[in-house]
PDB file of N, CA and C in Angstrom:
ATOM      1  N   UNK A   1       0.844  -1.187   0.324  1.00  0.00           N
ATOM      2  CA  UNK A   1       0.102  -0.009   0.118  1.00  0.00           C
ATOM      3  C   UNK A   1       0.574   1.382   0.002  1.00  0.00           C
ATOM      4  N   UNK A   2       2.049   1.041   0.627  1.00  0.00           N
ATOM      5  CA  UNK A   2       2.808   2.169   0.708  1.00  0.00           C
ATOM      6  C   UNK A   2       3.443   2.798  -0.969  1.00  0.00           C
ATOM      7  N   UNK A   3       3.809   1.605  -1.231  1.00  0.00           N
ATOM      8  CA  UNK A   3       4.546   2.083  -2.750  1.00  0.00           C
ATOM      9  C   UNK A   3       3.376   2.695  -3.413  1.00  0.00           C
ATOM     10  N   UNK A   4       1.896   1.786  -3.593  1.00  0.00           N
ATOM     11  CA  UNK A   4       1.046   2.292  -4.276  1.00  0.00           C
ATOM     12  C   UNK A   4       0.731   4.035  -3.705  1.00  0.00           C
ATOM     13  N   UNK A   5       0.674   4.500  -2.733  1.00  0.00           N
ATOM     14  CA  UNK A   5       0.762   5.849  -2.327  1.00  0.00           C
ATOM     15  C   UNK A   5       2.341   6.570  -2.836  1.00  0.00           C
ATOM     16  N   UNK A   6       3.125   6.027  -2.624  1.00  0.00           N
ATOM     17  CA  UNK A   6       4.349   6.812  -3.332  1.00  0.00           C
ATOM     18  C   UNK A   6       4.455   6.935  -4.804  1.00  0.00           C
ATOM     19  N   UNK A   7       3.716   6.065  -5.440  1.00  0.00           N
ATOM     20  CA  UNK A   7       3.433   6.174  -7.113  1.00  0.00           C
ATOM     21  C   UNK A   7       2.733   7.208  -7.332  1.00  0.00           C
ATOM     22  N   UNK A   8       1.612   7.022  -6.489  1.00  0.00           N
ATOM     23  CA  UNK A   8       0.759   8.462  -6.931  1.00  0.00           C
ATOM     24  C   UNK A   8       1.055   9.884  -6.516  1.00  0.00           C
ATOM     25  N   UNK A   9       1.970   9.783  -5.725  1.00  0.00           N
ATOM     26  CA  UNK A   9       3.098  11.006  -5.488  1.00  0.00           C
ATOM     27  C   UNK A   9       2.148  11.643  -4.051  1.00  0.00           C
ATOM     28  N   UNK A  10       1.655  10.642  -3.247  1.00  0.00           N
ATOM     29  CA  UNK A  10       1.147  10.699  -2.093  1.00  0.00           C
ATOM     30  C   UNK A  10       2.413  11.334  -0.795  1.00  0.00           C
ATOM     31  N   UNK A  11       2.270  12.553  -0.414  1.00  0.00           N
ATOM     32  CA  UNK A  11       3.286  12.485   0.995  1.00  0.00           C
ATOM     33  C   UNK A  11       2.280  13.066   1.999  1.00  0.00           C
ATOM     34  N   UNK A  12       2.556  12.574   3.389  1.00  0.00           N
ATOM     35  CA  UNK A  12       2.173  12.697   4.440  1.00  0.00           C
ATOM     36  C   UNK A  12       2.304  13.992   5.114  1.00  0.00           C
ATOM     37  N   UNK A  13       1.048  14.745   5.157  1.00  0.00           N
ATOM     38  CA  UNK A  13       1.230  16.140   5.672  1.00  0.00           C
ATOM     39  C   UNK A  13       0.997  17.094   4.472  1.00  0.00           C
ATOM     40  N   UNK A  14       0.767  17.000   3.453  1.00  0.00           N
ATOM     41  CA  UNK A  14       0.530  17.713   3.094  1.00  0.00           C
ATOM     42  C   UNK A  14      -0.805  18.128   2.431  1.00  0.00           C
ATOM     43  N   UNK A  15      -1.453  19.081   1.837  1.00  0.00           N
ATOM     44  CA  UNK A  15      -2.704  19.565   1.851  1.00  0.00           C
ATOM     45  C   UNK A  15      -3.503  18.589   1.140  1.00  0.00           C
ATOM     46  N   UNK A  16      -4.816  18.399   1.269  1.00  0.00           N
ATOM     47  CA  UNK A  16      -5.567  17.692   0.357  1.00  0.00           C
ATOM     48  C   UNK A  16      -5.569  18.178  -1.268  1.00  0.00           C
ATOM     49  N   UNK A  17      -6.173  19.569  -1.022  1.00  0.00           N
ATOM     50  CA  UNK A  17      -6.124  20.323  -2.455  1.00  0.00           C
ATOM     51  C   UNK A  17      -5.055  20.855  -2.520  1.00  0.00           C
ATOM     52  N   UNK A  18      -4.773  20.851  -3.929  1.00  0.00           N
ATOM     53  CA  UNK A  18      -3.655  21.582  -4.914  1.00  0.00           C
ATOM     54  C   UNK A  18      -3.746  23.152  -4.697  1.00  0.00           C
ATOM     55  N   UNK A  19      -4.774  23.482  -5.055  1.00  0.00           N
ATOM     56  CA  UNK A  19      -4.769  25.024  -5.211  1.00  0.00           C
ATOM     57  C   UNK A  19      -4.721  25.350  -3.715  1.00  0.00           C
ATOM     58  N   UNK A  20      -4.468  25.071  -2.695  1.00  0.00           N
ATOM     59  CA  UNK A  20      -4.371  25.763  -1.266  1.00  0.00           C
ATOM     60  C   UNK A  20      -3.035  26.165  -1.180  1.00  0.00           C
ATOM     61  N   UNK A  21      -3.081  27.147  -0.371  1.00  0.00           N
ATOM     62  CA  UNK A  21      -1.568  27.786  -0.495  1.00  0.00           C
ATOM     63  C   UNK A  21      -1.554  27.718   1.118  1.00  0.00           C
ATOM     64  N   UNK A  22      -0.410  27.750   1.490  1.00  0.00           N
ATOM     65  CA  UNK A  22       0.096  27.968   3.239  1.00  0.00           C
ATOM     66  C   UNK A  22      -0.217  29.539   3.759  1.00  0.00           C
ATOM     67  N   UNK A  23      -0.482  29.490   4.893  1.00  0.00           N
ATOM     68  CA  UNK A  23      -1.066  30.545   5.036  1.00  0.00           C
ATOM     69  C   UNK A  23       0.035  31.905   5.280  1.00  0.00           C
ATOM     70  N   UNK A  24      -0.495  33.005   5.177  1.00  0.00           N
ATOM     71  CA  UNK A  24       0.713  34.092   4.602  1.00  0.00           C
ATOM     72  C   UNK A  24       1.411  34.168   3.356  1.00  0.00           C
ATOM     73  N   UNK A  25       0.858  32.747   2.724  1.00  0.00           N
ATOM     74  CA  UNK A  25       2.252  32.681   1.512  1.00  0.00           C
ATOM     75  C   UNK A  25       1.247  33.872   0.243  1.00  0.00           C
ATOM     76  N   UNK A  26       1.926  34.361  -0.651  1.00  0.00           N
ATOM     77  CA  UNK A  26       1.144  34.698  -1.776  1.00  0.00           C
ATOM     78  C   UNK A  26       0.782  34.439  -2.763  1.00  0.00           C
ATOM     79  N   UNK A  27      -0.319  34.084  -3.146  1.00  0.00           N
ATOM     80  CA  UNK A  27      -1.212  33.623  -4.228  1.00  0.00           C
ATOM     81  C   UNK A  27      -0.508  33.956  -5.321  1.00  0.00           C
ATOM     82  N   UNK A  28      -0.049  33.554  -6.185  1.00  0.00           N
ATOM     83  CA  UNK A  28       0.260  33.781  -8.150  1.00  0.00           C
ATOM     84  C   UNK A  28      -0.617  34.577  -8.630  1.00  0.00           C
ATOM     85  N   UNK A  29      -1.887  34.086  -8.386  1.00  0.00           N
ATOM     86  CA  UNK A  29      -3.334  34.513  -9.115  1.00  0.00           C
ATOM     87  C   UNK A  29      -4.937  34.517  -8.172  1.00  0.00           C
ATOM     88  N   UNK A  30      -5.470  35.451  -7.998  1.00  0.00           N
ATOM     89  CA  UNK A  30      -5.938  35.551  -7.184  1.00  0.00           C
ATOM     90  C   UNK A  30      -7.396  34.785  -7.779  1.00  0.00           C
ATOM     91  N   UNK A  31      -7.886  34.539  -6.487  1.00  0.00           N
ATOM     92  CA  UNK A  31      -8.979  33.096  -6.809  1.00  0.00           C
ATOM     93  C   UNK A  31     -10.105  33.616  -7.584  1.00  0.00           C
ATOM     94  N   UNK A  32     -10.646  33.180  -8.531  1.00  0.00           N
ATOM     95  CA  UNK A  32     -11.754  33.559  -9.180  1.00  0.00           C
ATOM     96  C   UNK A  32     -13.426  32.506  -8.521  1.00  0.00           C
ATOM     97  N   UNK A  33     -14.345  33.549  -8.258  1.00  0.00           N
ATOM     98  CA  UNK A  33     -15.441  32.965  -8.130  1.00  0.00           C
ATOM     99  C   UNK A  33     -15.926  31.911  -8.737  1.00  0.00           C
ATOM    100  N   UNK A  34     -16.859  30.868  -8.092  1.00  0.00           N
ATOM    101  CA  UNK A  34     -17.238  29.322  -8.545  1.00  0.00           C
ATOM    102  C   UNK A  34     -18.243  29.779  -9.175  1.00  0.00           C
ATOM    103  N   UNK A  35     -19.110  30.950  -8.902  1.00  0.00           N
ATOM    104  CA  UNK A  35     -20.455  31.171  -9.523  1.00  0.00           C
ATOM    105  C   UNK A  35     -20.292  31.947 -10.463  1.00  0.00           C
ATOM    106  N   UNK A  36     -20.956  31.245 -12.011  1.00  0.00           N
ATOM    107  CA  UNK A  36     -21.279  31.639 -13.146  1.00  0.00           C
ATOM    108  C   UNK A  36     -22.308  31.657 -13.620  1.00  0.00           C
ATOM    109  N   UNK A  37     -22.704  32.505 -14.629  1.00  0.00           N
ATOM    110  CA  UNK A  37     -23.979  32.605 -15.093  1.00  0.00           C
ATOM    111  C   UNK A  37     -24.071  31.108 -15.449  1.00  0.00           C
ATOM    112  N   UNK A  38     -25.593  30.320 -15.961  1.00  0.00           N
ATOM    113  CA  UNK A  38     -25.758  29.265 -16.322  1.00  0.00           C
ATOM    114  C   UNK A  38     -25.452  29.296 -18.190  1.00  0.00           C
ATOM    115  N   UNK A  39     -25.051  28.769 -18.732  1.00  0.00           N
ATOM    116  CA  UNK A  39     -25.466  28.682 -20.351  1.00  0.00           C
ATOM    117  C   UNK A  39     -26.786  29.243 -20.726  1.00  0.00           C
ATOM    118  N   UNK A  40     -26.759  29.734 -22.077  1.00  0.00           N
ATOM    119  CA  UNK A  40     -28.340  30.002 -22.319  1.00  0.00           C
ATOM    120  C   UNK A  40     -29.425  29.064 -22.707  1.00  0.00           C
ATOM    121  N   UNK A  41     -28.619  27.834 -23.155  1.00  0.00           N
ATOM    122  CA  UNK A  41     -29.379  26.906 -23.079  1.00  0.00           C
ATOM    123  C   UNK A  41     -30.314  26.134 -22.044  1.00  0.00           C
ATOM    124  N   UNK A  42     -29.532  26.113 -20.479  1.00  0.00           N
ATOM    125  CA  UNK A  42     -30.438  26.106 -19.461  1.00  0.00           C
ATOM    126  C   UNK A  42     -31.101  26.962 -19.217  1.00  0.00           C
ATOM    127  N   UNK A  43     -30.724  28.228 -19.094  1.00  0.00           N
ATOM    128  CA  UNK A  43     -31.726  29.185 -18.785  1.00  0.00           C
ATOM    129  C   UNK A  43     -33.543  28.856 -20.031  1.00  0.00           C
ATOM    130  N   UNK A  44     -33.203  28.805 -20.959  1.00  0.00           N
ATOM    131  CA  UNK A  44     -34.003  28.353 -21.879  1.00  0.00           C
ATOM    132  C   UNK A  44     -34.982  26.794 -21.598  1.00  0.00           C
ATOM    133  N   UNK A  45     -34.120  26.169 -21.003  1.00  0.00           N
ATOM    134  CA  UNK A  45     -34.804  24.845 -20.529  1.00  0.00           C
ATOM    135  C   UNK A  45     -35.707  24.928 -19.080  1.00  0.00           C
ATOM    136  N   UNK A  46     -34.990  26.148 -18.603  1.00  0.00           N
ATOM    137  CA  UNK A  46     -35.727  26.064 -17.113  1.00  0.00           C
ATOM    138  C   UNK A  46     -36.509  26.897 -17.264  1.00  0.00           C
ATOM    139  N   UNK A  47     -36.717  28.009 -18.171  1.00  0.00           N
ATOM    140  CA  UNK A  47     -38.038  29.034 -18.568  1.00  0.00           C
ATOM    141  C   UNK A  47     -39.213  27.672 -19.084  1.00  0.00           C
ATOM    142  N   UNK A  48     -38.771  27.121 -20.008  1.00  0.00           N
ATOM    143  CA  UNK A  48     -39.875  25.935 -20.329  1.00  0.00           C
ATOM    144  C   UNK A  48     -40.107  25.357 -19.528  1.00  0.00           C
ATOM    145  N   UNK A  49     -39.500  24.533 -18.337  1.00  0.00           N
ATOM    146  CA  UNK A  49     -39.937  23.753 -17.431  1.00  0.00           C
ATOM    147  C   UNK A  49     -41.042  24.685 -16.402  1.00  0.00           C
ATOM    148  N   UNK A  50     -40.542  25.861 -15.878  1.00  0.00           N
ATOM    149  CA  UNK A  50     -41.303  26.438 -15.351  1.00  0.00           C
ATOM    150  C   UNK A  50     -42.821  26.885 -16.299  1.00  0.00           C
ATOM    151  N   UNK A  51     -42.800  26.953 -17.258  1.00  0.00           N
ATOM    152  CA  UNK A  51     -43.866  27.177 -18.074  1.00  0.00           C
ATOM    153  C   UNK A  51     -44.506  26.374 -18.156  1.00  0.00           C
ATOM    154  N   UNK A  52     -44.427  25.046 -18.042  1.00  0.00           N
ATOM    155  CA  UNK A  52     -44.676  23.666 -18.277  1.00  0.00           C
ATOM    156  C   UNK A  52     -45.758  23.475 -16.921  1.00  0.00           C
ATOM    157  N   UNK A  53     -44.917  23.907 -15.765  1.00  0.00           N
ATOM    158  CA  UNK A  53     -45.382  23.714 -14.417  1.00  0.00           C
ATOM    159  C   UNK A  53     -46.513  24.525 -14.194  1.00  0.00           C
ATOM    160  N   UNK A  54     -46.331  25.814 -14.487  1.00  0.00           N
ATOM    161  CA  UNK A  54     -47.885  26.736 -14.169  1.00  0.00           C
ATOM    162  C   UNK A  54     -48.290  26.455 -14.975  1.00  0.00           C
ATOM    163  N   UNK A  55     -48.252  26.560 -16.191  1.00  0.00           N
ATOM    164  CA  UNK A  55     -50.049  25.424 -16.901  1.00  0.00           C
ATOM    165  C   UNK A  55     -50.221  24.656 -16.642  1.00  0.00           C
ATOM    166  N   UNK A  56     -49.881  23.697 -15.892  1.00  0.00           N
ATOM    167  CA  UNK A  56     -50.374  22.851 -15.525  1.00  0.00           C
ATOM    168  C   UNK A  56     -51.380  22.512 -14.085  1.00  0.00           C
ATOM    169  N   UNK A  57     -50.418  24.074 -13.511  1.00  0.00           N
ATOM    170  CA  UNK A  57     -50.853  24.358 -12.151  1.00  0.00           C
ATOM    171  C   UNK A  57     -52.388  25.002 -12.355  1.00  0.00           C
ATOM    172  N   UNK A  58     -52.280  25.881 -13.248  1.00  0.00           N
ATOM    173  CA  UNK A  58     -53.461  26.947 -13.492  1.00  0.00           C
ATOM    174  C   UNK A  58     -54.569  26.495 -14.203  1.00  0.00           C
ATOM    175  N   UNK A  59     -54.386  25.010 -14.554  1.00  0.00           N
ATOM    176  CA  UNK A  59     -55.845  23.961 -14.885  1.00  0.00           C
ATOM    177  C   UNK A  59     -56.580  23.878 -13.551  1.00  0.00           C
ATOM    178  N   UNK A  60     -55.618  23.280 -12.370  1.00  0.00           N
ATOM    179  CA  UNK A  60     -56.168  23.086 -11.687  1.00  0.00           C
ATOM    180  C   UNK A  60     -56.827  24.173 -10.549  1.00  0.00           C
ATOM    181  N   UNK A  61     -56.022  25.736 -10.503  1.00  0.00           N
ATOM    182  CA  UNK A  61     -56.827  26.632  -9.568  1.00  0.00           C
ATOM    183  C   UNK A  61     -58.154  27.101 -10.077  1.00  0.00           C
ATOM    184  N   UNK A  62     -59.153  27.486  -8.874  1.00  0.00           N
ATOM    185  CA  UNK A  62     -60.225  27.925  -9.281  1.00  0.00           C
ATOM    186  C   UNK A  62     -60.184  29.171 -10.094  1.00  0.00           C
ATOM    187  N   UNK A  63     -61.236  29.558 -10.836  1.00  0.00           N
ATOM    188  CA  UNK A  63     -61.271  30.515 -11.709  1.00  0.00           C
ATOM    189  C   UNK A  63     -61.452  31.725 -11.051  1.00  0.00           C
ATOM    190  N   UNK A  64     -61.905  31.779 -10.060  1.00  0.00           N
ATOM    191  CA  UNK A  64     -62.665  33.265  -9.272  1.00  0.00           C
ATOM    192  C   UNK A  64     -61.674  33.685  -8.400  1.00  0.00           C
ATOM    193  N   UNK A  65     -59.787  32.437  -8.438  1.00  0.00           N
ATOM    194  CA  UNK A  65     -59.582  33.141  -7.512  1.00  0.00           C
ATOM    195  C   UNK A  65     -58.721  34.324  -7.885  1.00  0.00           C
ATOM    196  N   UNK A  66     -58.634  35.342  -6.824  1.00  0.00           N
ATOM    197  CA  UNK A  66     -58.008  36.794  -7.116  1.00  0.00           C
ATOM    198  C   UNK A  66     -56.534  36.580  -7.558  1.00  0.00           C
ATOM    199  N   UNK A  67     -56.225  37.694  -8.487  1.00  0.00           N
ATOM    200  CA  UNK A  67     -55.284  37.742  -9.216  1.00  0.00           C
ATOM    201  C   UNK A  67     -53.929  37.420  -8.320  1.00  0.00           C
ATOM    202  N   UNK A  68     -53.986  38.290  -7.070  1.00  0.00           N
ATOM    203  CA  UNK A  68     -52.744  38.702  -6.232  1.00  0.00           C
ATOM    204  C   UNK A  68     -52.598  37.114  -5.387  1.00  0.00           C
ATOM    205  N   UNK A  69     -53.686  36.271  -5.691  1.00  0.00           N
ATOM    206  CA  UNK A  69     -53.468  35.051  -4.647  1.00  0.00           C
ATOM    207  C   UNK A  69     -53.165  34.063  -5.650  1.00  0.00           C
ATOM    208  N   UNK A  70     -53.603  33.888  -7.012  1.00  0.00           N
ATOM    209  CA  UNK A  70     -52.829  33.121  -7.613  1.00  0.00           C
ATOM    210  C   UNK A  70     -51.430  33.324  -8.126  1.00  0.00           C
ATOM    211  N   UNK A  71     -51.248  34.715  -8.132  1.00  0.00           N
ATOM    212  CA  UNK A  71     -49.456  34.715  -8.260  1.00  0.00           C
ATOM    213  C   UNK A  71     -48.831  34.531  -7.485  1.00  0.00           C
ATOM    214  N   UNK A  72     -49.359  34.423  -6.115  1.00  0.00           N
ATOM    215  CA  UNK A  72     -48.585  33.992  -4.696  1.00  0.00           C
ATOM    216  C   UNK A  72     -48.395  32.502  -4.994  1.00  0.00           C
ATOM    217  N   UNK A  73     -49.209  31.715  -5.296  1.00  0.00           N
ATOM    218  CA  UNK A  73     -49.667  30.236  -5.234  1.00  0.00           C
ATOM    219  C   UNK A  73     -48.769  29.985  -6.344  1.00  0.00           C
ATOM    220  N   UNK A  74     -48.428  30.443  -7.346  1.00  0.00           N
ATOM    221  CA  UNK A  74     -47.762  30.062  -8.904  1.00  0.00           C
ATOM    222  C   UNK A  74     -46.366  30.235  -7.980  1.00  0.00           C
ATOM    223  N   UNK A  75     -46.073  31.404  -7.884  1.00  0.00           N
ATOM    224  CA  UNK A  75     -44.294  31.971  -7.800  1.00  0.00           C
ATOM    225  C   UNK A  75     -44.228  30.854  -6.264  1.00  0.00           C
ATOM    226  N   UNK A  76     -45.070  30.775  -5.544  1.00  0.00           N
ATOM    227  CA  UNK A  76     -44.290  30.026  -4.302  1.00  0.00           C
ATOM    228  C   UNK A  76     -44.251  28.258  -4.932  1.00  0.00           C
ATOM    229  N   UNK A  77     -45.200  27.697  -5.902  1.00  0.00           N
ATOM    230  CA  UNK A  77     -44.994  26.278  -6.192  1.00  0.00           C
ATOM    231  C   UNK A  77     -43.369  26.487  -6.856  1.00  0.00           C
ATOM    232  N   UNK A  78     -43.324  27.437  -7.820  1.00  0.00           N
ATOM    233  CA  UNK A  78     -42.025  27.673  -8.695  1.00  0.00           C
ATOM    234  C   UNK A  78     -40.554  27.783  -7.518  1.00  0.00           C
ATOM    235  N   UNK A  79     -40.721  28.735  -6.985  1.00  0.00           N
ATOM    236  CA  UNK A  79     -40.047  28.508  -5.175  1.00  0.00           C
ATOM    237  C   UNK A  79     -39.185  27.388  -5.103  1.00  0.00           C
ATOM    238  N   UNK A  80     -40.424  26.401  -4.408  1.00  0.00           N
ATOM    239  CA  UNK A  80     -40.418  25.248  -3.902  1.00  0.00           C
ATOM    240  C   UNK A  80     -39.567  24.394  -4.888  1.00  0.00           C
ATOM    241  N   UNK A  81     -39.657  24.269  -6.109  1.00  0.00           N
ATOM    242  CA  UNK A  81     -38.950  23.274  -6.920  1.00  0.00           C
ATOM    243  C   UNK A  81     -37.586  23.990  -7.512  1.00  0.00           C
ATOM    244  N   UNK A  82     -37.389  25.253  -6.654  1.00  0.00           N
ATOM    245  CA  UNK A  82     -36.071  25.635  -6.767  1.00  0.00           C
ATOM    246  C   UNK A  82     -35.657  26.644  -8.019  1.00  0.00           C
ATOM    247  N   UNK A  83     -36.494  27.069  -8.546  1.00  0.00           N
ATOM    248  CA  UNK A  83     -36.323  28.473  -9.486  1.00  0.00           C
ATOM    249  C   UNK A  83     -36.255  29.396  -8.738  1.00  0.00           C
ATOM    250  N   UNK A  84     -35.410  29.995  -9.430  1.00  0.00           N
ATOM    251  CA  UNK A  84     -35.099  31.409  -9.497  1.00  0.00           C
ATOM    252  C   UNK A  84     -36.106  32.224  -9.268  1.00  0.00           C
ATOM    253  N   UNK A  85     -36.189  33.526  -8.230  1.00  0.00           N
ATOM    254  CA  UNK A  85     -37.496  34.847  -8.260  1.00  0.00           C
ATOM    255  C   UNK A  85     -37.648  35.217  -9.360  1.00  0.00           C
ATOM    256  N   UNK A  86     -36.465  35.631 -10.523  1.00  0.00           N
ATOM    257  CA  UNK A  86     -37.160  36.539 -11.445  1.00  0.00           C
ATOM    258  C   UNK A  86     -37.747  35.235 -12.225  1.00  0.00           C
ATOM    259  N   UNK A  87     -37.156  34.301 -12.335  1.00  0.00           N
ATOM    260  CA  UNK A  87     -37.831  33.420 -13.458  1.00  0.00           C
ATOM    261  C   UNK A  87     -39.070  32.928 -13.001  1.00  0.00           C
ATOM    262  N   UNK A  88     -39.726  32.902 -12.029  1.00  0.00           N
ATOM    263  CA  UNK A  88     -40.446  32.123 -11.285  1.00  0.00           C
ATOM    264  C   UNK A  88     -41.701  33.668 -11.689  1.00  0.00           C
ATOM    265  N   UNK A  89     -41.328  34.861 -11.234  1.00  0.00           N
ATOM    266  CA  UNK A  89     -42.456  36.222 -11.454  1.00  0.00           C
ATOM    267  C   UNK A  89     -42.609  36.295 -13.336  1.00  0.00           C
ATOM    268  N   UNK A  90     -41.644  36.190 -14.077  1.00  0.00           N
ATOM    269  CA  UNK A  90     -41.799  36.135 -15.260  1.00  0.00           C
ATOM    270  C   UNK A  90     -42.624  35.463 -15.855  1.00  0.00           C
ATOM    271  N   UNK A  91     -42.514  33.926 -15.527  1.00  0.00           N
ATOM    272  CA  UNK A  91     -43.212  33.022 -16.166  1.00  0.00           C
ATOM    273  C   UNK A  91     -44.707  33.211 -15.674  1.00  0.00           C
ATOM    274  N   UNK A  92     -44.554  33.328 -14.308  1.00  0.00           N
ATOM    275  CA  UNK A  92     -46.269  33.602 -13.844  1.00  0.00           C
ATOM    276  C   UNK A  92     -46.961  34.517 -14.254  1.00  0.00           C
ATOM    277  N   UNK A  93     -46.301  35.967 -14.571  1.00  0.00           N
ATOM    278  CA  UNK A  93     -46.880  37.272 -15.229  1.00  0.00           C
ATOM    279  C   UNK A  93     -47.536  36.911 -16.522  1.00  0.00           C
ATOM    280  N   UNK A  94     -46.351  35.998 -17.825  1.00  0.00           N
ATOM    281  CA  UNK A  94     -46.863  35.957 -18.652  1.00  0.00           C
ATOM    282  C   UNK A  94     -47.635  35.010 -18.879  1.00  0.00           C
ATOM    283  N   UNK A  95     -48.086  34.022 -18.163  1.00  0.00           N
ATOM    284  CA  UNK A  95     -49.074  32.636 -18.050  1.00  0.00           C
ATOM    285  C   UNK A  95     -50.148  33.088 -17.508  1.00  0.00           C
ATOM    286  N   UNK A  96     -49.978  34.030 -16.424  1.00  0.00           N
ATOM    287  CA  UNK A  96     -51.558  34.827 -15.966  1.00  0.00           C
ATOM    288  C   UNK A  96     -52.232  35.618 -16.929  1.00  0.00           C
ATOM    289  N   UNK A  97     -51.585  36.229 -17.565  1.00  0.00           N
ATOM    290  CA  UNK A  97     -51.949  37.313 -18.712  1.00  0.00           C
ATOM    291  C   UNK A  97     -52.732  36.492 -19.672  1.00  0.00           C
ATOM    292  N   UNK A  98     -51.750  35.527 -20.292  1.00  0.00           N
ATOM    293  CA  UNK A  98     -51.945  34.706 -21.225  1.00  0.00           C
ATOM    294  C   UNK A  98     -53.898  33.963 -20.983  1.00  0.00           C
ATOM    295  N   UNK A  99     -53.654  33.316 -19.693  1.00  0.00           N
ATOM    296  CA  UNK A  99     -54.900  32.924 -19.317  1.00  0.00           C
ATOM    297  C   UNK A  99     -55.854  33.861 -19.542  1.00  0.00           C
ATOM    298  N   UNK A 100     -55.928  34.693 -18.970  1.00  0.00           N
ATOM    299  CA  UNK A 100     -56.828  35.955 -18.840  1.00  0.00           C
ATOM    300  C   UNK A 100     -57.354  36.078 -19.942  1.00  0.00           C
ATOM    301  N   UNK A 101     -56.563  36.378 -21.273  1.00  0.00           N
ATOM    302  CA  UNK A 101     -56.865  36.459 -22.349  1.00  0.00           C
ATOM    303  C   UNK A 101     -57.565  35.529 -23.086  1.00  0.00           C
ATOM    304  N   UNK A 102     -57.421  34.103 -22.408  1.00  0.00           N
ATOM    305  CA  UNK A 102     -58.176  32.976 -22.796  1.00  0.00           C
ATOM    306  C   UNK A 102     -57.125  31.902 -24.018  1.00  0.00           C
ATOM    307  N   UNK A 103     -55.840  32.404 -24.007  1.00  0.00           N
ATOM    308  CA  UNK A 103     -55.065  32.044 -24.706  1.00  0.00           C
ATOM    309  C   UNK A 103     -54.378  30.707 -24.146  1.00  0.00           C
ATOM    310  N   UNK A 104     -54.109  29.775 -24.616  1.00  0.00           N
ATOM    311  CA  UNK A 104     -53.891  28.060 -24.249  1.00  0.00           C
ATOM    312  C   UNK A 104     -52.324  28.218 -24.818  1.00  0.00           C
TER     313      UNK A 104
END
């Protein structure tokens, strides 16, 4: 087992992560945030999935439900499913306006 670890360049006492630097040492490059915007295809896919969920839920909502209450319920549904607030509000607003005009 020791020969396998030595072959894999494992040295006891070294940091587990290759990008860690010792305390007080200057880093050659600033670390960049791992947060990036999702690719456009993922955004389109997310918008499509949210639209499908809202349309299916709209069929089961009472017709006489207040607009504000319907918005709150639909945005809450999307929030529980992990959609961003901006996506949820945009999809709900568009679908409620289409439903008010009678467009499916």
